[in-house]
Amino acid sequence: MPKYKYGLCVGKSEAGNPVIQGTDGRVGELRPIKEGEPIYRNPVEAENIGPIFRMKEVDLGRNGPAQVANPQYRSGWEQTFGKDLPN
């Protein structure tokens, strides 16, 4: 069974994202995960219940550094090294 944490929405950030104060007193901003952008903290799945947020940590199942493979990266790789891999 997942371990949930609860927090109260105490305002909005400059970006318009909810600012949450947890039951442990810590305060943080809930930001959406966007493809191609780094993840700075442990991601959570959040459910909004009025002013209360129920959150649980999400395991991304990853080890090591992020794997960057967006179209801009591939384009730069191909410009530098070409499309064909050496044998």
Foldseek 3Di string as FASTA:
>chain_A
DFDKWKWFFPDADPVRFTWTQTPVRDIDTQDDDDPPDDDDDFDWDWDDDDRMIIITTDDPPDDDDDDDDDPVVVVVCCVVPNDDDDD
